[in-house]
C-alpha atoms as a PDB file:
ATOM      1  CA  UNK A   1       0.000   0.000   0.000  1.00  0.00           C
ATOM      2  CA  UNK A   2       1.396   3.384  -0.928  1.00  0.00           C
ATOM      3  CA  UNK A   3       1.259   6.383   1.436  1.00  0.00           C
ATOM      4  CA  UNK A   4       0.605   9.503  -0.607  1.00  0.00           C
ATOM      5  CA  UNK A   5       1.065  11.880   2.366  1.00  0.00           C
ATOM      6  CA  UNK A   6       4.790  11.177   2.738  1.00  0.00           C
ATOM      7  CA  UNK A   7       7.672  12.468   0.671  1.00  0.00           C
ATOM      8  CA  UNK A   8       7.412  14.201  -2.652  1.00  0.00           C
ATOM      9  CA  UNK A   9       8.150  17.811  -3.525  1.00  0.00           C
ATOM     10  CA  UNK A  10       6.851  20.538  -1.242  1.00  0.00           C
ATOM     11  CA  UNK A  11       5.001  23.319  -3.016  1.00  0.00           C
ATOM     12  CA  UNK A  12       6.049  26.860  -2.239  1.00  0.00           C
ATOM     13  CA  UNK A  13       3.589  29.430  -3.498  1.00  0.00           C
ATOM     14  CA  UNK A  14       5.585  32.330  -2.042  1.00  0.00           C
ATOM     15  CA  UNK A  15       4.352  34.876   0.473  1.00  0.00           C
ATOM     16  CA  UNK A  16       0.603  35.313   0.740  1.00  0.00           C
ATOM     17  CA  UNK A  17      -0.982  38.693   0.239  1.00  0.00           C
ATOM     18  CA  UNK A  18      -2.742  39.681   3.453  1.00  0.00           C
ATOM     19  CA  UNK A  19      -5.785  41.970   3.691  1.00  0.00           C
ATOM     20  CA  UNK A  20      -6.831  44.134   6.632  1.00  0.00           C
ATOM     21  CA  UNK A  21     -10.250  43.383   8.077  1.00  0.00           C
ATOM     22  CA  UNK A  22     -12.294  44.032  11.205  1.00  0.00           C
ATOM     23  CA  UNK A  23     -13.439  41.032  13.244  1.00  0.00           C
ATOM     24  CA  UNK A  24     -17.231  40.692  13.219  1.00  0.00           C
ATOM     25  CA  UNK A  25     -17.155  39.220  16.747  1.00  0.00           C
ATOM     26  CA  UNK A  26     -14.800  41.431  18.811  1.00  0.00           C
ATOM     27  CA  UNK A  27     -14.238  44.410  16.487  1.00  0.00           C
ATOM     28  CA  UNK A  28     -10.447  44.075  16.561  1.00  0.00           C
ATOM     29  CA  UNK A  29      -8.481  44.814  13.385  1.00  0.00           C
ATOM     30  CA  UNK A  30      -6.860  41.712  11.912  1.00  0.00           C
ATOM     31  CA  UNK A  31      -5.289  40.439   8.706  1.00  0.00           C
ATOM     32  CA  UNK A  32      -6.664  37.612   6.592  1.00  0.00           C
ATOM     33  CA  UNK A  33      -5.205  35.772   3.553  1.00  0.00           C
ATOM     34  CA  UNK A  34      -8.264  36.517   1.381  1.00  0.00           C
ATOM     35  CA  UNK A  35     -10.047  39.640   0.180  1.00  0.00           C
ATOM     36  CA  UNK A  36     -12.995  40.167   2.568  1.00  0.00           C
ATOM     37  CA  UNK A  37     -16.467  40.521   1.097  1.00  0.00           C
ATOM     38  CA  UNK A  38     -18.901  42.997   2.597  1.00  0.00           C
ATOM     39  CA  UNK A  39     -21.717  40.441   2.754  1.00  0.00           C
ATOM     40  CA  UNK A  40     -19.716  37.862   4.783  1.00  0.00           C
ATOM     41  CA  UNK A  41     -18.387  38.212   8.340  1.00  0.00           C
ATOM     42  CA  UNK A  42     -14.650  37.974   9.009  1.00  0.00           C
ATOM     43  CA  UNK A  43     -13.272  36.711  12.321  1.00  0.00           C
ATOM     44  CA  UNK A  44      -9.850  37.207  13.905  1.00  0.00           C
ATOM     45  CA  UNK A  45      -7.869  34.064  14.683  1.00  0.00           C
ATOM     46  CA  UNK A  46      -8.981  33.949  18.342  1.00  0.00           C
ATOM     47  CA  UNK A  47     -12.702  34.377  17.576  1.00  0.00           C
ATOM     48  CA  UNK A  48     -12.539  31.934  14.658  1.00  0.00           C
ATOM     49  CA  UNK A  49     -10.950  29.312  16.899  1.00  0.00           C
ATOM     50  CA  UNK A  50     -13.617  29.854  19.590  1.00  0.00           C
ATOM     51  CA  UNK A  51     -16.441  29.502  17.047  1.00  0.00           C
ATOM     52  CA  UNK A  52     -14.878  26.418  15.453  1.00  0.00           C
ATOM     53  CA  UNK A  53     -14.409  24.658  18.794  1.00  0.00           C
ATOM     54  CA  UNK A  54     -17.884  25.526  20.112  1.00  0.00           C
END
C-alpha cells in the first residue's frame, strides 16, 4: 500500500498577500489571507478558533 502523504516535492507558493479586516465578533483589526467581502463576516484568529471549537 502506498502512502501519498509522505515524501514528494513541497510546493512553495511564495508569500501570501494579506488583507486588513475588522473582526465581526470582537471588532479588533486583523489580517486575513483573502479579500474580505462585505456580505460575509470575518473573524480574527482567536474568535474563529472559539467559534470552530464551540
